[in-house]
Protein backbone atom coordinates (compact mmCIF):
# COMPACT_ATOMS: atom_id res chain seq x y z
CA MET A 1 -32.17 -73.29 79.40
CA GLN A 2 -30.28 -75.06 81.96
CA PRO A 3 -33.12 -76.80 84.40
CA ASP A 4 -32.25 -76.44 88.30
CA PRO A 5 -33.84 -79.59 89.94
CA ASP A 6 -33.63 -78.73 93.51
CA LYS A 7 -35.23 -75.56 93.06
CA TRP A 8 -37.55 -76.95 90.83
CA ARG A 9 -38.68 -79.52 93.20
CA GLU A 10 -38.57 -77.24 95.87
CA PHE A 11 -40.91 -75.13 93.71
CA TYR A 12 -43.37 -77.08 93.52
CA ARG A 13 -43.65 -79.19 96.90
CA ASP A 14 -44.28 -75.31 98.84
CA GLU A 15 -47.28 -74.70 96.01
CA LEU A 16 -48.69 -78.27 96.61
CA THR A 17 -48.09 -77.37 100.17
CA ASP A 18 -50.35 -74.17 99.59
CA MET A 19 -52.41 -76.03 97.47
CA ASN A 20 -53.73 -78.34 100.02
CA PHE A 21 -53.74 -76.07 102.93
CA TYR A 22 -56.09 -73.48 101.22
CA SER A 23 -58.20 -76.04 100.00
CA LYS A 24 -58.24 -77.80 103.72
CA LEU A 25 -58.29 -74.25 105.57
CA SER A 26 -61.79 -73.24 103.29
CA ARG A 27 -63.40 -75.76 104.91
CA THR A 28 -63.11 -74.67 108.55
CA ILE A 29 -63.53 -70.86 107.85
CA LYS A 30 -67.21 -69.34 108.42
CA ASP A 31 -66.40 -66.28 106.93
CA ASP A 32 -67.95 -66.28 103.38
CA TYR A 33 -65.43 -64.25 101.72
CA LEU A 34 -62.43 -65.91 103.07
CA ARG A 35 -63.72 -69.48 102.32
CA GLU A 36 -64.58 -68.83 98.92
CA ASN A 37 -60.83 -66.91 98.41
CA LEU A 38 -59.38 -69.87 99.84
CA SER A 39 -61.13 -72.11 97.39
CA LYS A 40 -59.74 -70.36 94.94
CA LEU A 41 -56.29 -69.72 95.90
CA SER A 42 -56.80 -73.69 96.20
CA GLU A 43 -57.08 -73.90 92.14
CA ILE A 44 -54.27 -71.38 91.55
CA GLU A 45 -51.73 -73.03 93.06
CA ARG A 46 -52.71 -76.47 91.89
CA GLU A 47 -52.09 -74.35 88.71
CA HIS A 48 -48.87 -73.43 89.67
CA SER A 49 -47.88 -76.66 90.85
CA GLU A 50 -48.89 -78.58 87.15
CA PHE A 51 -46.38 -75.44 85.73
CA TRP A 52 -42.92 -76.87 87.58
CA LYS A 53 -44.77 -80.53 87.60
CA GLU A 54 -44.95 -80.21 83.52
CA ASN A 55 -41.16 -78.40 83.71
CA MET A 56 -39.53 -81.10 85.28
CA LYS A 57 -41.32 -83.99 83.29
CA ARG A 58 -39.97 -81.99 80.14
CA PHE A 59 -36.32 -82.32 81.31
CA GLY A 60 -36.58 -85.67 82.55
CA ILE A 61 -36.74 -84.50 86.30
CA LYS A 62 -37.53 -87.10 89.31
CA TYR A 63 -39.58 -85.81 91.28
CA SER A 64 -42.49 -86.68 94.54
CA ASN A 65 -46.12 -85.17 94.53
CA ARG A 66 -45.66 -85.48 98.71
CA TYR A 67 -46.30 -82.43 100.21
CA ASN A 68 -45.40 -80.95 103.65
CA ARG A 69 -48.13 -82.75 105.34
CA PHE A 70 -46.42 -81.08 109.06
CA LYS A 71 -46.50 -77.64 107.78
CA VAL A 72 -50.53 -78.09 106.94
CA THR A 73 -51.01 -79.64 109.83
CA PHE A 74 -49.36 -77.01 112.29
CA LEU A 75 -51.07 -74.26 110.13
CA LEU A 76 -54.60 -76.17 110.71
CA LEU A 77 -53.79 -75.85 114.21
CA ALA A 78 -52.77 -72.39 114.87
CA ARG A 79 -55.87 -71.42 113.15
CA TYR A 80 -57.51 -72.05 116.49
CA PHE A 81 -55.74 -70.56 118.00
CA LEU A 82 -54.67 -67.52 116.17
CA GLY A 83 -58.38 -66.70 114.33
CA ASN A 84 -59.14 -65.63 110.76
CA PHE A 85 -57.46 -62.65 111.36
CA LEU A 86 -53.83 -63.52 112.23
CA THR A 87 -54.28 -66.57 110.43
CA ALA A 88 -54.35 -64.11 107.39
CA ARG A 89 -51.60 -62.43 107.85
CA LEU A 90 -49.67 -65.93 109.26
CA LEU A 91 -50.69 -66.39 104.77
CA GLU A 92 -49.48 -63.17 103.51
CA HIS A 93 -46.08 -63.78 104.80
CA GLY A 94 -46.48 -66.68 103.18
CA GLU A 95 -47.09 -65.31 100.18
CA ILE A 96 -44.55 -62.08 100.35
CA SER A 97 -41.88 -65.11 101.03
CA THR A 98 -42.41 -66.57 97.79
CA VAL A 99 -42.97 -63.31 95.52
CA SER A 100 -39.93 -63.10 96.99
CA VAL A 101 -38.25 -66.07 95.74
CA TYR A 102 -39.99 -65.88 92.40
CA SER A 103 -38.61 -62.54 91.87
CA ASP A 104 -35.56 -63.35 92.26
CA TYR A 105 -35.49 -66.42 90.41
CA LEU A 106 -36.89 -64.28 87.29
CA LYS A 107 -33.53 -62.50 87.36
CA LYS A 108 -31.87 -65.74 85.66
CA LYS A 109 -30.45 -65.08 82.25
CA ASP A 110 -30.95 -68.11 80.94
CA LEU A 111 -34.75 -68.23 80.91
CA ASP A 112 -36.20 -69.05 77.92
CA GLU A 113 -39.23 -66.54 77.03
CA ASP A 114 -42.24 -69.48 77.16
CA PHE A 115 -40.76 -70.01 80.95
CA ARG A 116 -40.29 -66.32 81.95
CA ALA A 117 -43.75 -65.47 80.57
CA ARG A 118 -45.57 -68.03 82.12
CA LEU A 119 -43.32 -67.49 85.78
CA SER A 120 -44.36 -63.61 85.38
CA LYS A 121 -48.12 -64.89 85.11
CA ILE A 122 -47.34 -66.74 88.59
CA LEU A 123 -45.79 -64.16 90.48
CA ASP A 124 -48.96 -61.74 89.57
CA GLU A 125 -51.28 -64.27 90.66
CA GLU A 126 -49.17 -64.68 93.54
CA ILE A 127 -49.15 -60.94 94.68
CA ASN A 128 -52.68 -60.41 93.85
CA HIS A 129 -53.06 -62.75 96.93
CA GLU A 130 -51.90 -60.48 99.23
CA GLU A 131 -54.47 -58.23 98.38
CA ILE A 132 -57.31 -60.71 99.05
CA PHE A 133 -55.49 -61.61 102.34
CA GLU A 134 -55.71 -57.52 103.31
CA LYS A 135 -58.79 -57.42 102.59
CA ALA A 136 -59.92 -60.47 105.00
CA MET A 137 -58.21 -58.31 107.31
CA GLU A 138 -59.86 -55.22 107.10
CA LYS A 139 -62.92 -57.15 108.00
CA SER A 140 -61.69 -58.30 111.06
CA GLN A 141 -60.72 -54.89 112.50
CA ASP A 142 -61.96 -55.54 116.14
CA THR A 143 -60.33 -58.96 116.37
CA VAL A 144 -57.35 -56.81 116.20
CA GLU A 145 -58.36 -54.65 119.04
CA ARG A 146 -59.07 -57.66 121.26
CA ASN A 147 -55.74 -59.19 120.22
CA LYS A 148 -53.47 -56.20 120.96
CA ASP A 149 -55.33 -55.32 124.34
CA VAL A 150 -54.96 -59.75 125.19
CA ILE A 151 -51.25 -59.94 123.84
CA TYR A 152 -50.62 -56.06 125.57
CA GLY A 153 -52.33 -57.44 129.23
CA ILE A 154 -50.37 -60.81 128.93
CA SER A 155 -46.76 -59.19 128.22
CA ASP A 156 -46.76 -56.58 130.85
CA GLY A 157 -47.96 -59.06 133.26
CA LEU A 158 -45.04 -61.49 132.18
CA VAL A 159 -42.56 -58.86 132.90
CA GLU A 160 -44.09 -57.00 135.23
CA VAL A 161 -44.56 -60.04 137.85
CA LEU A 162 -41.20 -61.85 136.46
CA ALA A 163 -38.91 -59.01 137.09
CA ALA A 164 -40.63 -58.22 140.87
CA LEU A 165 -40.10 -62.24 141.70
CA ALA A 166 -36.53 -61.79 140.37
CA GLY A 167 -36.06 -59.30 143.42
CA LEU A 168 -37.68 -60.83 145.69
CA THR A 169 -35.95 -63.92 145.45
CA SER A 170 -32.80 -61.85 146.43
CA ILE A 171 -33.95 -60.98 149.45
CA ILE A 172 -36.32 -64.10 150.75
CA GLU A 173 -35.70 -67.26 151.71
CA ASN A 174 -38.88 -69.01 151.45
CA ASN A 175 -40.32 -69.62 147.76
CA ILE A 176 -43.92 -69.23 149.35
CA ASP A 177 -43.45 -65.99 150.29
CA ILE A 178 -41.85 -65.13 147.39
CA ALA A 179 -45.27 -66.48 145.50
CA LEU A 180 -47.46 -64.26 147.35
CA GLY A 181 -45.64 -61.85 147.06
CA GLY A 182 -45.55 -61.82 143.49
CA LEU A 183 -49.38 -62.34 143.42
CA VAL A 184 -49.67 -58.59 145.35
CA VAL A 185 -47.55 -57.41 142.53
CA GLY A 186 -50.06 -59.03 139.90
CA ILE A 187 -52.86 -58.01 141.97
CA SER A 188 -52.10 -54.44 142.33
CA GLY A 189 -50.79 -54.70 138.40
CA THR A 190 -54.15 -56.43 137.49
CA ALA A 191 -55.80 -52.97 139.08
CA SER A 192 -53.47 -50.29 137.57
CA MET A 193 -53.81 -52.31 134.13
CA THR A 194 -57.50 -52.02 134.04
CA ILE A 195 -58.31 -49.06 135.04
CA GLY A 196 -55.78 -47.19 132.86
CA ALA A 197 -57.15 -49.25 129.55
CA TYR A 198 -60.06 -47.92 130.46
CA LEU A 199 -59.32 -44.50 131.01
CA SER A 200 -57.11 -44.74 127.84
CA LYS A 201 -60.06 -46.43 125.78
CA LYS A 202 -62.57 -44.23 127.12
CA SER A 203 -61.00 -40.85 125.65
CA GLU A 204 -60.86 -42.86 122.02
CA THR A 205 -64.47 -43.89 122.11
CA GLU A 206 -65.23 -40.10 123.88
CA TYR A 207 -63.78 -38.73 120.56
CA LYS A 208 -65.08 -41.21 118.32
CA LEU A 209 -68.61 -40.26 119.73
CA VAL A 210 -68.36 -36.80 119.38
CA GLU A 211 -67.12 -37.04 115.26
CA GLU A 212 -69.95 -39.04 115.03
CA GLU A 213 -72.52 -36.59 116.85
CA LYS A 214 -70.82 -33.74 113.83
CA ARG A 215 -71.40 -36.38 111.02
CA ILE A 216 -74.77 -36.59 112.61
CA LEU A 217 -75.53 -33.04 112.43
CA PHE A 218 -73.23 -31.31 109.88
CA ARG A 219 -73.47 -34.47 107.54
CA ARG A 220 -77.48 -34.85 107.89
CA LYS A 221 -76.14 -38.00 108.23
CA LYS A 222 -78.95 -40.61 110.28
CA LYS A 223 -78.17 -41.66 113.42
CA ASP A 224 -77.10 -45.32 113.60
CA PRO A 225 -78.17 -46.31 117.45
CA GLU A 226 -76.57 -50.11 116.97
CA TYR A 227 -73.05 -48.29 115.73
CA VAL A 228 -72.84 -45.50 118.71
CA ASP A 229 -73.71 -48.67 121.17
CA LYS A 230 -70.32 -50.65 120.04
CA ILE A 231 -68.22 -47.82 120.70
CA LYS A 232 -69.46 -46.79 124.07
CA ALA A 233 -68.66 -50.51 124.91
CA GLU A 234 -65.35 -50.77 123.69
CA SER A 235 -63.48 -49.14 127.06
CA LYS A 236 -65.17 -51.94 129.15
CA THR A 237 -64.48 -54.58 126.72
CA SER A 238 -60.84 -53.15 126.44
CA ALA A 239 -60.39 -53.08 130.30
CA LEU A 240 -62.06 -56.90 130.64
CA TYR A 241 -59.47 -58.15 128.20
CA VAL A 242 -56.66 -56.55 129.54
CA GLY A 243 -57.46 -56.91 132.72
CA LEU A 244 -58.18 -60.74 132.32
CA SER A 245 -54.77 -61.31 130.32
CA TYR A 246 -52.41 -59.58 132.47
CA ILE A 247 -53.89 -62.29 135.42
CA LEU A 248 -52.71 -65.06 133.06
CA GLY A 249 -49.36 -63.35 131.95
CA SER A 250 -48.58 -63.36 135.99
CA ALA A 251 -49.38 -66.78 136.82
CA VAL A 252 -47.19 -68.01 134.50
CA PRO A 253 -43.99 -66.63 136.18
CA ILE A 254 -45.75 -67.18 140.16
CA LEU A 255 -46.90 -71.17 139.42
CA PRO A 256 -43.29 -72.41 139.56
CA PHE A 257 -42.55 -70.87 143.23
CA VAL A 258 -45.26 -72.76 144.48
CA PHE A 259 -43.84 -76.16 143.33
CA LEU A 260 -39.90 -75.79 143.28
CA HIS A 261 -37.16 -74.23 145.86
CA LYS A 262 -36.68 -70.33 145.13
CA TYR A 263 -34.11 -70.38 142.60
CA LEU A 264 -35.40 -73.49 140.28
CA ALA A 265 -38.51 -71.25 140.43
CA LEU A 266 -36.95 -68.72 139.39
CA ILE A 267 -34.98 -70.68 136.45
CA LEU A 268 -37.89 -72.03 135.18
CA SER A 269 -40.13 -69.20 135.42
CA ILE A 270 -37.74 -66.97 133.21
CA ILE A 271 -37.61 -69.68 130.91
CA LEU A 272 -41.59 -69.90 130.79
CA VAL A 273 -42.14 -65.83 130.40
CA PHE A 274 -38.99 -66.12 127.42
CA ILE A 275 -41.38 -68.79 125.66
CA VAL A 276 -44.73 -67.06 126.65
CA GLN A 277 -43.59 -63.69 125.82
CA GLY A 278 -42.16 -64.83 122.29
CA ILE A 279 -45.21 -66.00 121.50
CA ALA A 280 -47.57 -63.43 122.16
CA ASN A 281 -45.17 -60.51 120.38
CA ALA A 282 -45.18 -63.16 117.64
CA MET A 283 -48.83 -62.76 117.43
CA VAL A 284 -47.99 -58.88 117.73
CA ALA A 285 -45.40 -58.92 114.91
CA LEU A 286 -47.98 -60.69 112.68
CA SER A 287 -50.80 -58.72 113.29
CA VAL A 288 -48.54 -55.32 112.10
CA ASN A 289 -46.98 -57.56 109.69
CA VAL A 290 -42.89 -57.10 110.60
CA ARG A 291 -40.42 -60.09 111.10
CA VAL A 292 -41.56 -62.15 113.64
CA MET A 293 -38.69 -63.89 114.81
CA LYS A 294 -36.52 -60.96 115.49
CA MET A 295 -39.73 -59.36 117.58
CA ALA A 296 -40.26 -62.15 119.74
CA ILE A 297 -36.58 -62.65 120.40
CA ARG A 298 -36.04 -59.11 120.95
CA ALA A 299 -39.28 -58.74 123.82
CA SER A 300 -38.10 -62.29 125.29
CA SER A 301 -34.22 -60.60 125.86
CA LEU A 302 -36.00 -57.28 126.90
CA ALA A 303 -38.23 -59.37 129.56
CA LEU A 304 -35.17 -61.55 130.72
CA LEU A 305 -33.14 -57.86 131.09
CA ALA A 306 -35.93 -56.58 132.74
CA ALA A 307 -35.61 -59.80 135.59
CA ALA A 308 -31.98 -59.39 135.90
CA ILE A 309 -31.78 -55.98 136.67
CA THR A 310 -34.42 -56.08 139.42
CA PHE A 311 -32.75 -59.17 140.26
CA PHE A 312 -29.36 -57.69 141.07
CA VAL A 313 -30.63 -55.06 143.15
CA GLY A 314 -32.14 -56.88 145.27
CA PHE A 315 -28.96 -58.74 145.87
CA ALA A 316 -27.17 -55.45 145.83
CA PHE A 317 -29.50 -54.55 148.79
CA HIS A 318 -28.70 -57.97 150.57
CA TYR A 319 -25.23 -58.11 150.35
CA PHE A 320 -24.50 -54.01 151.04
CA LEU A 321 -27.01 -53.55 153.06
CA HIS A 322 -28.20 -57.02 155.14
CA ILE A 323 -31.87 -57.21 154.06
CA SER A 324 -33.05 -59.95 153.97
CA ILE A 325 -36.20 -62.03 154.86
CA ILE A 326 -35.95 -65.84 156.00
């Protein structure tokens, strides 16, 4: 078997990084299930790192025991913003990447049988890691719903208000007047989104209550008042999260117009919306387990497209119809 020094060093460093991350993360998690399993995963990753270390020693390959401290620090900080659910999604993405890399490496023809068998076992263990994260995510459905409402509200606030501000920039001279126009759009959008979220969730909760009554009636199931109260509160909670997050989202493009000339303010608003929209939709991508970067860039680009369309509509009104407010 021919050794592959660069690959083996990379695999070794990745396993060391995961081992340290799982170990450190387990000390910050309150959820018993996830905390205990993260400790177990740390030990498993240690064993995986030992496999690569032993093989590098066998072939006289120089290696370093340093892991990716930046990645570990970043992920530990992200955990405080993402919560357990999205952190588990993030870990799952990492495991999927590892499984893919090891699967490709096992296709090499020149691996000896002992090496192949051990690496196959490591691959199976990495696949089992994903099941742990899936179960952890199943325990966090309330967090999923809350995250969806928050991101939905922020995303709409960003796009709608930026588009309105871009259109107003074409026909209004004073930056404060543009900001006030954006504020009006933000307030009306908040009311509209809050009511829409409440009505949408209300129909869903009423359906759940009907289904619960049917189970109680036809299956002789005992009524669970706590569960019923939780369902009844869902519509108000959803409306609250959507409304508050819409306000936060709309504030991002408005604030630059309070302090800067209108065109500088518009440029800064576009940059801020691009960044925040990308982050928000990266979280959506994590939630639904799709490619993070692709979804983030697509959402940010569509937000800028909406702003560009309204800007040129406003410019057309100004240029052809001579509409302007000084």
